Amino acid sequence: MSLHTNSATQTALESFDEEWQEWHDAHERHRANPHGFLAVTHLHWLTNEATRLEGAPGTWSADSDVVRVVLEPGESLQQDGVELSSGEPLEFGPIEERGGINLVSGDTVIEVAKRGGEYIVRPRNPQNQLLQEYQGTPAYTPNAAFAVAGTFVPFETPRPTTVGAAVEGIQHVYEAPGEIRFKLAGEELALTAFNGHAPGSLSVLFTDQTSGKTTYAANRSLSVVPAADGSVQLDFNRAVNLPCAYTDLATCPLPPAENRLPVAIEAGEKIPYERQDQK
C-alpha cells in the first residue's frame, strides 16, 4: 500500500469519526430536550373512572375513544397556546395508535397518547431528576467495520407484526414492509424492518450478543433510508437506545424474535449510566 493510499484511508477514517461525533452530539441534544422523555415524571393509564393524576391538573377519564378532563377553578391547561376553559368537560380524541397531543400547564407539558389501544397521560417537567442529572450516554468508539452495505427486500405484501413492550400487559402492532439482508462477521443476516417516522425511512429494532452485557438488554434501534434500488447502509455505530433504557415510564416496543442477532455488534450506544446496576 502506498503512502498516498495510507493517507487517504486515514483521512476517510477521520472524516467517519467526525461525522459520527457530530451526529452523536446532535442526538444527545435532542434526548436532553427540556420536555423530552427524560422529563417524564409519571405514567398514568386512563380508565372510565374520573381520577385526579399526579403531575397534571384536572380530573381525567377515557371512554369510547375520547379523553375527558374537568378543570377546577384556578387550574390551567393550554393547547397550541390557547387557554382551555375550566368547569366544562374538555374532550380530546380519538387519537390514533402511537399518536398523541401535547397540553401545557405552567412549565409542564402533558402528553396525552394512545399505546397498546389504551390512553395514557405522561407529564413532562424540565425539573425532573432524571433530566437534571443526565450526563450523556456511553457509546462505543466509532468503527467503520460496523457500517455495512445491505439490501432491502420488500415482502409481497406488508406484514402486520405484533411485538411485546417494555411495559407488561400491552403489545404493539407494526407494519413490516420487508427485511434488510446484509453480511457481518462472516454471517449472512436479516432484520425485519418497520416503517420509520420520516417518509421513506425504515426503523430496525434488534438485540445482539452484546445485549445485557455492554448494551441495553431489551432493544436498540437503527434508522435507515433505502435507495431506489433497495441498497441500504446499515451503520450500527448509530444504533441508539430507546426511552425504556432510561426510564420505567416508557412503553417501548421489543424487537421481533427474528431480530435477535447471533453476532456481537460492538458499536453504537451502550447501557446508560442510569441502568449500569442492571447488567
Protein backbone atom coordinates (compact mmCIF):
# COMPACT_ATOMS: atom_id res chain seq x y z
CA MET A 1 0.00 0.00 0.00
CA SER A 2 1.40 3.37 -0.98
CA LEU A 3 1.90 6.33 1.34
CA HIS A 4 -0.81 8.14 -0.64
CA THR A 5 -3.25 5.29 -0.05
CA ASN A 6 -2.43 5.23 3.66
CA SER A 7 -3.04 8.96 3.85
CA ALA A 8 -6.36 8.72 2.00
CA THR A 9 -7.51 5.90 4.26
CA GLN A 10 -6.55 7.84 7.36
CA THR A 11 -8.40 10.90 6.10
CA ALA A 12 -11.51 8.83 5.38
CA LEU A 13 -11.44 7.31 8.87
CA GLU A 14 -11.02 10.73 10.48
CA SER A 15 -13.97 12.04 8.46
CA PHE A 16 -16.03 8.98 9.50
CA ASP A 17 -15.24 9.66 13.17
CA GLU A 18 -16.01 13.37 12.87
CA GLU A 19 -19.37 12.76 11.17
CA TRP A 20 -20.30 10.24 13.85
CA GLN A 21 -19.36 12.70 16.61
CA GLU A 22 -21.49 15.44 15.06
CA TRP A 23 -24.42 13.05 14.74
CA HIS A 24 -23.98 11.76 18.31
CA ASP A 25 -23.79 15.30 19.75
CA ALA A 26 -27.00 16.27 17.92
CA HIS A 27 -28.74 13.12 19.14
CA GLU A 28 -27.72 13.87 22.73
CA ARG A 29 -29.07 17.42 22.46
CA HIS A 30 -32.37 16.05 21.20
CA ARG A 31 -32.53 13.49 24.00
CA ALA A 32 -31.91 16.17 26.65
CA ASN A 33 -34.76 18.38 25.38
CA PRO A 34 -36.45 20.10 28.37
CA HIS A 35 -39.70 18.28 27.53
CA GLY A 36 -38.25 15.07 26.08
CA PHE A 37 -38.70 11.61 27.55
CA LEU A 38 -36.08 12.25 30.25
CA ALA A 39 -38.51 14.86 31.62
CA VAL A 40 -41.39 12.37 32.08
CA THR A 41 -42.43 12.33 35.74
CA HIS A 42 -45.39 9.92 35.71
CA LEU A 43 -47.15 7.37 33.51
CA HIS A 44 -50.92 7.25 34.06
CA TRP A 45 -53.26 4.76 32.34
CA LEU A 46 -56.73 6.25 31.96
CA THR A 47 -59.97 4.38 32.68
CA ASN A 48 -63.64 5.38 32.54
CA GLU A 49 -63.41 6.34 36.22
CA ALA A 50 -62.68 10.05 36.68
CA THR A 51 -59.38 10.37 38.56
CA ARG A 52 -57.00 13.11 39.62
CA LEU A 53 -53.48 12.47 38.31
CA GLU A 54 -50.22 13.38 39.98
CA GLY A 55 -48.31 15.95 37.94
CA ALA A 56 -51.33 17.16 35.94
CA PRO A 57 -54.25 19.45 36.75
CA GLY A 58 -57.86 18.32 36.48
CA THR A 59 -59.81 15.10 36.74
CA TRP A 60 -59.21 12.63 33.90
CA SER A 61 -61.07 9.73 32.31
CA ALA A 62 -61.25 7.91 28.97
CA ASP A 63 -64.28 6.25 27.45
CA SER A 64 -65.50 5.47 23.91
CA ASP A 65 -62.16 6.58 22.44
CA VAL A 66 -62.43 10.04 23.99
CA VAL A 67 -60.32 11.54 26.80
CA ARG A 68 -62.22 13.85 29.16
CA VAL A 69 -60.72 16.39 31.54
CA VAL A 70 -62.53 18.59 34.07
CA LEU A 71 -60.51 21.50 35.44
CA GLU A 72 -61.20 23.03 38.83
CA PRO A 73 -61.25 26.84 39.28
CA GLY A 74 -57.67 28.11 39.29
CA GLU A 75 -56.35 25.16 37.26
CA SER A 76 -54.92 25.84 33.81
CA LEU A 77 -54.41 23.91 30.59
CA GLN A 78 -53.36 25.29 27.24
CA GLN A 79 -53.45 23.71 23.79
CA ASP A 80 -51.49 25.31 20.96
CA GLY A 81 -51.18 28.47 23.05
CA VAL A 82 -54.93 28.73 23.67
CA GLU A 83 -56.21 28.71 27.25
CA LEU A 84 -58.83 26.00 27.81
CA SER A 85 -61.83 26.84 29.97
CA SER A 86 -62.38 25.29 33.39
CA GLY A 87 -65.66 23.90 34.68
CA GLU A 88 -66.95 22.27 31.50
CA PRO A 89 -65.54 18.87 30.48
CA LEU A 90 -62.77 19.13 27.88
CA GLU A 91 -62.69 16.35 25.29
CA PHE A 92 -59.79 15.09 23.19
CA GLY A 93 -59.68 12.29 20.68
CA PRO A 94 -59.93 9.89 19.17
CA ILE A 95 -56.14 9.64 18.98
CA GLU A 96 -54.54 7.13 16.63
CA GLU A 97 -52.35 4.32 17.98
CA ARG A 98 -48.84 5.63 18.79
CA GLY A 99 -50.16 9.16 18.25
CA GLY A 100 -50.58 11.88 20.84
CA ILE A 101 -51.23 15.52 21.64
CA ASN A 102 -49.46 17.90 24.00
CA LEU A 103 -51.17 20.13 26.53
CA VAL A 104 -49.37 22.71 28.68
CA SER A 105 -49.76 23.52 32.36
CA GLY A 106 -47.18 26.02 33.59
CA ASP A 107 -43.72 24.56 32.93
CA THR A 108 -45.17 21.09 32.38
CA VAL A 109 -46.04 19.58 29.01
CA ILE A 110 -48.73 16.91 29.41
CA GLU A 111 -48.61 14.22 26.76
CA VAL A 112 -51.93 12.52 26.03
CA ALA A 113 -51.37 9.47 23.86
CA LYS A 114 -52.60 6.02 22.86
CA ARG A 115 -50.38 3.00 23.45
CA GLY A 116 -51.45 -0.61 23.05
CA GLY A 117 -55.04 0.51 22.50
CA GLU A 118 -55.17 2.35 25.84
CA TYR A 119 -54.96 6.06 26.64
CA ILE A 120 -52.08 7.35 28.74
CA VAL A 121 -51.11 10.67 30.31
CA ARG A 122 -47.43 11.49 30.80
CA PRO A 123 -46.49 14.82 32.39
CA ARG A 124 -43.07 16.11 31.30
CA ASN A 125 -41.36 18.61 33.58
CA PRO A 126 -37.89 20.12 32.95
CA GLN A 127 -37.12 19.83 36.69
CA ASN A 128 -37.44 16.03 36.60
CA GLN A 129 -34.45 14.48 38.40
CA LEU A 130 -33.62 12.09 35.54
CA LEU A 131 -33.20 15.00 33.14
CA GLN A 132 -31.45 17.27 35.64
CA GLU A 133 -28.84 14.61 36.41
CA TYR A 134 -28.43 13.29 32.85
CA GLN A 135 -24.73 13.01 31.98
CA GLY A 136 -24.86 11.67 28.46
CA THR A 137 -24.89 8.14 27.14
CA PRO A 138 -21.75 5.99 26.80
CA ALA A 139 -21.07 4.62 23.33
CA TYR A 140 -18.51 2.51 21.54
CA THR A 141 -15.73 4.32 19.70
CA PRO A 142 -16.91 4.57 16.09
CA ASN A 143 -15.68 1.65 13.98
CA ALA A 144 -16.15 1.65 10.21
CA ALA A 145 -16.23 -2.17 10.22
CA PHE A 146 -19.76 -1.94 11.66
CA ALA A 147 -21.02 0.24 8.79
CA VAL A 148 -22.07 -2.35 6.23
CA ALA A 149 -23.95 -2.44 2.96
CA GLY A 150 -27.30 -4.20 2.85
CA THR A 151 -30.28 -4.76 0.63
CA PHE A 152 -33.90 -4.00 1.44
CA VAL A 153 -36.11 -6.81 0.18
CA PRO A 154 -39.83 -5.93 0.26
CA PHE A 155 -42.37 -8.57 1.28
CA GLU A 156 -45.06 -9.39 -1.29
CA THR A 157 -47.47 -7.55 1.00
CA PRO A 158 -46.58 -5.65 4.21
CA ARG A 159 -46.84 -7.90 7.27
CA PRO A 160 -48.59 -6.75 10.44
CA THR A 161 -46.12 -7.75 13.16
CA THR A 162 -47.03 -7.97 16.83
CA VAL A 163 -44.27 -7.36 19.37
CA GLY A 164 -44.13 -7.05 23.14
CA ALA A 165 -43.47 -3.87 25.08
CA ALA A 166 -41.25 -2.64 27.88
CA VAL A 167 -44.43 -2.33 29.96
CA GLU A 168 -46.11 -5.62 30.78
CA GLY A 169 -49.64 -6.21 29.57
CA ILE A 170 -49.55 -4.35 26.25
CA GLN A 171 -48.47 -5.20 22.73
CA HIS A 172 -47.58 -3.12 19.72
CA VAL A 173 -48.55 -3.93 16.14
CA TYR A 174 -46.27 -2.55 13.42
CA GLU A 175 -46.41 -2.85 9.67
CA ALA A 176 -43.27 -4.55 8.34
CA PRO A 177 -42.79 -3.69 4.64
CA GLY A 178 -39.80 -6.01 4.23
CA GLU A 179 -36.45 -7.16 5.55
CA ILE A 180 -32.88 -5.92 5.25
CA ARG A 181 -30.30 -8.53 4.28
CA PHE A 182 -26.63 -7.99 4.99
CA LYS A 183 -23.39 -9.71 5.92
CA LEU A 184 -21.49 -9.07 9.15
CA ALA A 185 -18.75 -11.02 10.93
CA GLY A 186 -18.83 -13.59 8.15
CA GLU A 187 -22.53 -14.35 8.63
CA GLU A 188 -25.48 -13.80 6.30
CA LEU A 189 -28.09 -11.96 8.39
CA ALA A 190 -31.50 -10.35 8.01
CA LEU A 191 -33.56 -7.88 10.03
CA THR A 192 -37.30 -7.30 9.78
CA ALA A 193 -37.84 -3.57 9.22
CA PHE A 194 -40.75 -1.38 10.28
CA ASN A 195 -41.82 1.88 8.67
CA GLY A 196 -39.86 4.78 10.17
CA HIS A 197 -41.03 8.19 11.35
CA ALA A 198 -39.73 10.09 8.32
CA PRO A 199 -41.21 9.32 4.87
CA GLY A 200 -39.13 6.70 3.08
CA SER A 201 -37.25 5.68 6.19
CA LEU A 202 -37.19 2.32 7.97
CA SER A 203 -36.74 1.54 11.65
CA VAL A 204 -35.00 -1.61 12.81
CA LEU A 205 -35.29 -2.91 16.38
CA PHE A 206 -32.74 -5.53 17.36
CA THR A 207 -30.71 -7.24 20.04
CA ASP A 208 -27.35 -8.94 19.60
CA GLN A 209 -24.71 -10.80 21.60
CA THR A 210 -23.72 -7.63 23.48
CA SER A 211 -27.29 -7.12 24.77
CA GLY A 212 -27.44 -7.28 28.56
CA LYS A 213 -23.64 -7.17 28.75
CA THR A 214 -22.38 -3.88 27.33
CA THR A 215 -25.58 -2.72 25.59
CA TYR A 216 -29.13 -2.41 26.87
CA ALA A 217 -30.77 -5.82 27.19
CA ALA A 218 -34.24 -5.15 25.75
CA ASN A 219 -33.58 -3.41 22.46
CA ARG A 220 -31.67 -0.94 20.35
CA SER A 221 -32.89 0.92 17.29
CA LEU A 222 -31.37 1.87 13.96
CA SER A 223 -32.92 4.17 11.35
CA VAL A 224 -32.07 3.64 7.67
CA VAL A 225 -33.20 5.01 4.31
CA PRO A 226 -33.12 2.60 1.35
CA ALA A 227 -32.13 3.89 -2.06
CA ALA A 228 -34.44 3.44 -5.06
CA ASP A 229 -32.63 0.20 -5.99
CA GLY A 230 -33.06 -1.21 -2.46
CA SER A 231 -29.46 -0.70 -1.41
CA VAL A 232 -29.08 0.49 2.16
CA GLN A 233 -26.28 1.48 4.52
CA LEU A 234 -26.50 -0.12 7.97
CA ASP A 235 -24.27 1.94 10.23
CA PHE A 236 -24.53 0.22 13.59
CA ASN A 237 -22.37 2.96 15.09
CA ARG A 238 -25.63 4.92 15.04
CA ALA A 239 -27.64 2.30 16.91
CA VAL A 240 -29.42 4.10 19.75
CA ASN A 241 -31.23 3.31 22.96
CA LEU A 242 -34.98 3.70 23.21
CA PRO A 243 -36.58 5.62 26.11
CA CYS A 244 -37.12 2.42 28.13
CA ALA A 245 -33.34 2.18 28.50
CA TYR A 246 -33.55 5.23 30.78
CA THR A 247 -36.96 5.21 32.44
CA ASP A 248 -39.62 2.73 33.50
CA LEU A 249 -42.23 5.26 32.34
CA ALA A 250 -41.81 4.27 28.67
CA THR A 251 -43.85 1.81 26.61
CA CYS A 252 -41.17 0.99 24.02
CA PRO A 253 -41.63 -1.95 21.65
CA LEU A 254 -39.40 -5.02 21.83
CA PRO A 255 -37.75 -6.43 18.69
CA PRO A 256 -39.47 -9.24 16.80
CA ALA A 257 -37.95 -12.65 17.61
CA GLU A 258 -36.14 -12.89 14.26
CA ASN A 259 -34.22 -9.68 15.02
CA ARG A 260 -32.16 -11.26 17.80
CA LEU A 261 -28.82 -11.32 16.02
CA PRO A 262 -26.31 -14.12 16.71
CA VAL A 263 -23.30 -11.78 16.41
CA ALA A 264 -21.80 -9.21 18.77
CA ILE A 265 -22.36 -5.68 17.46
CA GLU A 266 -19.76 -3.75 19.44
CA ALA A 267 -20.92 -0.41 18.07
CA GLY A 268 -23.44 2.26 18.93
CA GLU A 269 -24.84 3.25 22.30
CA LYS A 270 -24.12 1.25 25.43
CA ILE A 271 -26.10 0.68 28.63
CA PRO A 272 -26.96 4.14 30.04
CA TYR A 273 -25.24 5.17 33.26
CA GLU A 274 -28.71 5.20 34.83
CA ARG A 275 -29.02 1.42 34.25
CA GLN A 276 -25.50 0.25 35.00
CA ASP A 277 -26.77 -1.73 38.00
CA GLN A 278 -28.91 -3.87 35.68
CA LYS A 279 -26.09 -5.58 33.81
